[in-house]
Amino acid sequence: MTRTLGIATIGQAPRDDIAALFAAHAPPATRVVLRGCLDGLTDEEIAARPPVNNGDTLYTRLRGGHDVIISKAHVIERAPEALARLRDDGADVLVFACTGEFPHMPGDAGVLFPSRVLNGMVESLLPVGRLGLLISLPEQAEKSIAKRQREGLEVVAESLRPSAEPADIRAAAARLKAQRPDVVAMDCMSYAPETKALVKAEVGVPTLLAITATGHVIGEVLA
């Protein structure tokens, strides 16, 4: 039986980078469908709903591949429609392609959230120690650290745009290395395996990439 993987992005379709990485972890016959929470909106309509504070700030790429900062509240409003469209497309496994934490949303039953995958791996690998986070925006640092801080775990963070050039990636990794993390978590779905390779080579500790970690789980679910 052909399985269908439905991917909801917080931005707009297409996102061939995300679809290709997930497809690589799925069984060969898997059909992949991707929908964006902001599909159908113009750049001007998206810009008219900017984040209201740092906690409302998300990073994504829009149609055409350009980076934008968007409102999490806006995404939450539109996510149920994207999930419903994926179910109408025949998706029997769904993933919400963002590492942010989201409240319950209509239609999210059974949806895989990468933040839960990444957090579970961190808790398993690092019950005590120092976690180094790479985040897409400096505005996200305070909230990202606070949501992972727990007894026995210290959390430090450095910002790195997923579209950064190799020199900037190495510089961010060097800053993170100076804080001596035991494990690094790359906390954005737009970070690529090539970026992880540069970061791991610089920092020299286990490095978790959200998109491939989630991809392995998808592969298990679809197998």
Protein backbone atom coordinates (compact mmCIF):
# COMPACT_ATOMS: atom_id res chain seq x y z
CA MET A 1 0.00 0.00 0.00
CA THR A 2 1.32 3.43 -0.93
CA ARG A 3 1.70 5.70 2.09
CA THR A 4 1.38 9.48 1.91
CA LEU A 5 3.48 11.81 4.02
CA GLY A 6 1.95 15.24 4.55
CA ILE A 7 4.28 18.10 5.50
CA ALA A 8 2.98 21.40 6.85
CA THR A 9 5.53 24.21 6.78
CA ILE A 10 5.11 27.46 8.69
CA GLY A 11 5.85 29.42 5.52
CA GLN A 12 4.87 28.63 1.95
CA ALA A 13 5.15 25.79 -0.54
CA PRO A 14 7.23 24.73 -2.29
CA ARG A 15 10.03 23.78 0.12
CA ASP A 16 11.92 21.26 -1.97
CA ASP A 17 14.76 21.13 0.58
CA ILE A 18 12.47 19.90 3.37
CA ALA A 19 10.46 17.57 1.13
CA ALA A 20 13.61 15.97 -0.30
CA LEU A 21 15.21 15.33 3.10
CA PHE A 22 12.05 13.75 4.49
CA ALA A 23 11.55 11.71 1.31
CA ALA A 24 15.09 10.36 1.66
CA HIS A 25 14.15 8.82 5.02
CA ALA A 26 10.79 7.43 3.87
CA PRO A 27 10.20 4.12 2.07
CA PRO A 28 10.79 4.46 -1.70
CA ALA A 29 7.13 4.32 -2.71
CA THR A 30 6.04 7.07 -0.30
CA ARG A 31 4.09 9.95 -1.80
CA VAL A 32 5.10 13.32 -0.33
CA VAL A 33 2.74 16.32 -0.20
CA LEU A 34 3.72 19.70 1.24
CA ARG A 35 1.48 22.61 2.18
CA GLY A 36 2.39 25.95 3.75
CA CYS A 37 0.48 27.69 6.51
CA LEU A 38 0.96 30.97 4.64
CA ASP A 39 0.08 29.62 1.19
CA GLY A 40 -2.04 32.02 -0.85
CA LEU A 41 -0.79 35.16 0.90
CA THR A 42 1.24 37.89 -0.75
CA ASP A 43 4.48 39.16 0.77
CA GLU A 44 2.62 42.35 1.69
CA GLU A 45 -0.13 40.45 3.51
CA ILE A 46 2.46 38.51 5.50
CA ALA A 47 4.41 41.68 6.32
CA ALA A 48 1.18 43.25 7.60
CA ARG A 49 1.20 40.71 10.47
CA PRO A 50 4.66 41.15 12.02
CA PRO A 51 5.63 39.51 15.33
CA VAL A 52 4.35 41.44 18.33
CA ASN A 53 7.28 40.43 20.56
CA ASN A 54 10.28 38.07 20.67
CA GLY A 55 8.11 35.15 21.77
CA ASP A 56 5.96 35.61 18.66
CA THR A 57 8.96 35.46 16.32
CA LEU A 58 9.57 32.66 13.81
CA TYR A 59 12.00 32.33 10.91
CA THR A 60 11.06 30.74 7.59
CA ARG A 61 11.46 30.94 3.84
CA LEU A 62 8.68 32.02 1.55
CA ARG A 63 7.86 31.10 -2.02
CA GLY A 64 10.92 32.10 -4.04
CA GLY A 65 13.33 31.15 -1.27
CA HIS A 66 13.81 34.45 0.57
CA ASP A 67 14.18 34.59 4.35
CA VAL A 68 11.51 36.27 6.46
CA ILE A 69 10.57 36.80 10.08
CA ILE A 70 6.92 36.00 10.72
CA SER A 71 4.36 35.96 13.51
CA LYS A 72 3.85 32.67 15.33
CA ALA A 73 0.29 33.73 16.17
CA HIS A 74 -0.42 34.19 12.47
CA VAL A 75 0.90 30.69 11.76
CA ILE A 76 -1.24 29.19 14.54
CA GLU A 77 -4.35 30.85 13.08
CA ARG A 78 -3.73 29.35 9.65
CA ALA A 79 -2.25 25.96 10.60
CA PRO A 80 -5.59 24.11 10.93
CA GLU A 81 -6.40 24.88 7.28
CA ALA A 82 -3.01 23.57 6.12
CA LEU A 83 -3.42 20.38 8.14
CA ALA A 84 -6.97 19.88 6.83
CA ARG A 85 -5.77 20.28 3.24
CA LEU A 86 -3.07 17.67 3.81
CA ARG A 87 -5.63 15.22 5.15
CA ASP A 88 -7.77 15.95 2.09
CA ASP A 89 -4.68 15.16 0.01
CA GLY A 90 -4.74 11.68 1.53
CA ALA A 91 -1.88 12.09 4.01
CA ASP A 92 -1.90 9.34 6.61
CA VAL A 93 1.27 10.56 8.36
CA LEU A 94 1.66 14.27 9.05
CA VAL A 95 4.58 16.37 10.29
CA PHE A 96 4.50 20.05 11.28
CA ALA A 97 7.88 21.24 10.01
CA CYS A 98 8.94 23.70 12.71
CA THR A 99 10.98 23.23 15.88
CA GLY A 100 8.95 25.80 17.81
CA GLU A 101 6.54 24.72 20.50
CA PHE A 102 2.87 25.04 19.58
CA PRO A 103 -0.35 24.84 21.57
CA HIS A 104 -3.09 22.39 20.68
CA MET A 105 -4.50 23.30 17.28
CA PRO A 106 -7.59 21.90 15.55
CA GLY A 107 -6.57 18.96 13.39
CA ASP A 108 -3.22 18.31 15.10
CA ALA A 109 -4.11 14.86 16.48
CA GLY A 110 -1.38 12.42 15.53
CA VAL A 111 0.81 15.12 13.96
CA LEU A 112 4.56 14.75 14.51
CA PHE A 113 6.18 17.89 15.94
CA PRO A 114 9.99 18.07 15.49
CA SER A 115 10.45 20.01 18.74
CA ARG A 116 9.30 16.93 20.65
CA VAL A 117 11.70 14.71 18.72
CA LEU A 118 14.66 17.03 19.31
CA ASN A 119 13.84 17.58 22.98
CA GLY A 120 13.47 13.84 23.55
CA MET A 121 16.89 13.18 22.06
CA VAL A 122 18.48 15.89 24.20
CA GLU A 123 16.91 14.50 27.37
CA SER A 124 18.16 11.01 26.52
CA LEU A 125 21.69 12.05 25.62
CA LEU A 126 22.21 14.78 28.19
CA PRO A 127 20.48 14.22 31.55
CA VAL A 128 23.07 16.59 33.05
CA GLY A 129 25.58 18.89 31.41
CA ARG A 130 25.59 21.85 29.05
CA LEU A 131 23.46 22.04 25.91
CA GLY A 132 24.48 24.33 23.08
CA LEU A 133 21.66 25.60 20.88
CA LEU A 134 21.94 27.04 17.41
CA ILE A 135 18.89 29.20 16.73
CA SER A 136 17.92 31.09 13.62
CA LEU A 137 17.29 34.48 15.27
CA PRO A 138 18.80 36.22 18.32
CA GLU A 139 15.27 37.24 19.36
CA GLN A 140 14.54 33.57 20.05
CA ALA A 141 17.39 33.05 22.53
CA GLU A 142 15.62 33.84 25.80
CA LYS A 143 12.59 31.67 25.10
CA SER A 144 14.62 28.83 23.57
CA ILE A 145 16.89 28.66 26.61
CA ALA A 146 14.04 28.94 29.12
CA LYS A 147 11.97 26.12 27.63
CA ARG A 148 14.88 23.66 27.85
CA GLN A 149 16.49 24.70 31.12
CA ARG A 150 16.03 22.12 33.86
CA GLU A 151 17.80 20.91 36.96
CA GLY A 152 21.23 19.65 36.01
CA LEU A 153 21.13 21.12 32.51
CA GLU A 154 22.66 24.45 31.55
CA VAL A 155 21.66 25.86 28.16
CA VAL A 156 23.62 28.31 26.02
CA ALA A 157 22.68 29.63 22.58
CA GLU A 158 24.13 31.25 19.49
CA SER A 159 22.16 32.60 16.55
CA LEU A 160 22.88 31.49 12.99
CA ARG A 161 20.75 32.21 9.94
CA PRO A 162 20.17 28.96 8.01
CA SER A 163 21.10 30.80 4.81
CA ALA A 164 24.49 31.88 6.22
CA GLU A 165 27.69 31.46 4.24
CA PRO A 166 30.27 28.86 5.38
CA ALA A 167 32.50 31.49 7.00
CA ASP A 168 29.59 32.74 9.11
CA ILE A 169 28.64 29.17 10.03
CA ARG A 170 32.16 28.47 11.25
CA ALA A 171 32.22 31.73 13.20
CA ALA A 172 28.94 30.93 14.98
CA ALA A 173 30.18 27.41 15.72
CA ALA A 174 33.40 28.83 17.16
CA ARG A 175 31.43 31.13 19.46
CA LEU A 176 29.37 28.16 20.60
CA LYS A 177 32.48 26.03 21.10
CA ALA A 178 33.89 28.71 23.41
CA GLN A 179 30.94 28.04 25.74
CA ARG A 180 31.97 24.36 25.97
CA PRO A 181 28.71 22.51 25.26
CA ASP A 182 28.48 18.75 25.70
CA VAL A 183 25.88 18.40 22.95
CA VAL A 184 24.70 20.79 20.22
CA ALA A 185 21.09 20.94 19.01
CA MET A 186 20.41 22.77 15.75
CA ASP A 187 17.01 24.22 16.51
CA CYS A 188 15.54 25.14 13.11
CA MET A 189 14.11 23.02 10.31
CA SER A 190 15.93 25.09 7.68
CA TYR A 191 19.39 24.02 8.84
CA ALA A 192 20.85 21.59 6.31
CA PRO A 193 23.12 18.54 6.73
CA GLU A 194 25.94 20.52 5.12
CA THR A 195 25.63 23.14 7.87
CA LYS A 196 25.66 20.43 10.52
CA ALA A 197 28.89 19.03 9.09
CA LEU A 198 30.62 22.41 9.43
CA VAL A 199 29.29 22.93 12.95
CA LYS A 200 30.25 19.47 14.18
CA ALA A 201 33.74 19.78 12.71
CA GLU A 202 34.26 23.05 14.58
CA VAL A 203 32.64 22.23 17.93
CA GLY A 204 33.67 18.57 18.10
CA VAL A 205 30.72 17.23 20.13
CA PRO A 206 27.56 15.26 19.21
CA THR A 207 25.41 17.52 17.04
CA LEU A 208 21.68 16.96 16.51
CA LEU A 209 20.00 18.26 13.36
CA ALA A 210 16.26 18.69 13.74
CA ILE A 211 15.25 17.84 10.18
CA THR A 212 17.22 14.58 9.93
CA ALA A 213 16.30 13.53 13.48
CA THR A 214 12.64 13.98 12.53
CA GLY A 215 13.26 12.21 9.24
CA HIS A 216 14.47 9.09 11.05
CA VAL A 217 11.27 9.03 13.11
CA ILE A 218 9.17 9.46 9.96
CA GLY A 219 11.00 6.52 8.41
CA GLU A 220 10.11 4.35 11.41
CA VAL A 221 6.46 5.39 11.30
CA LEU A 222 6.11 4.77 7.57
CA ALA A 223 8.06 1.50 7.44
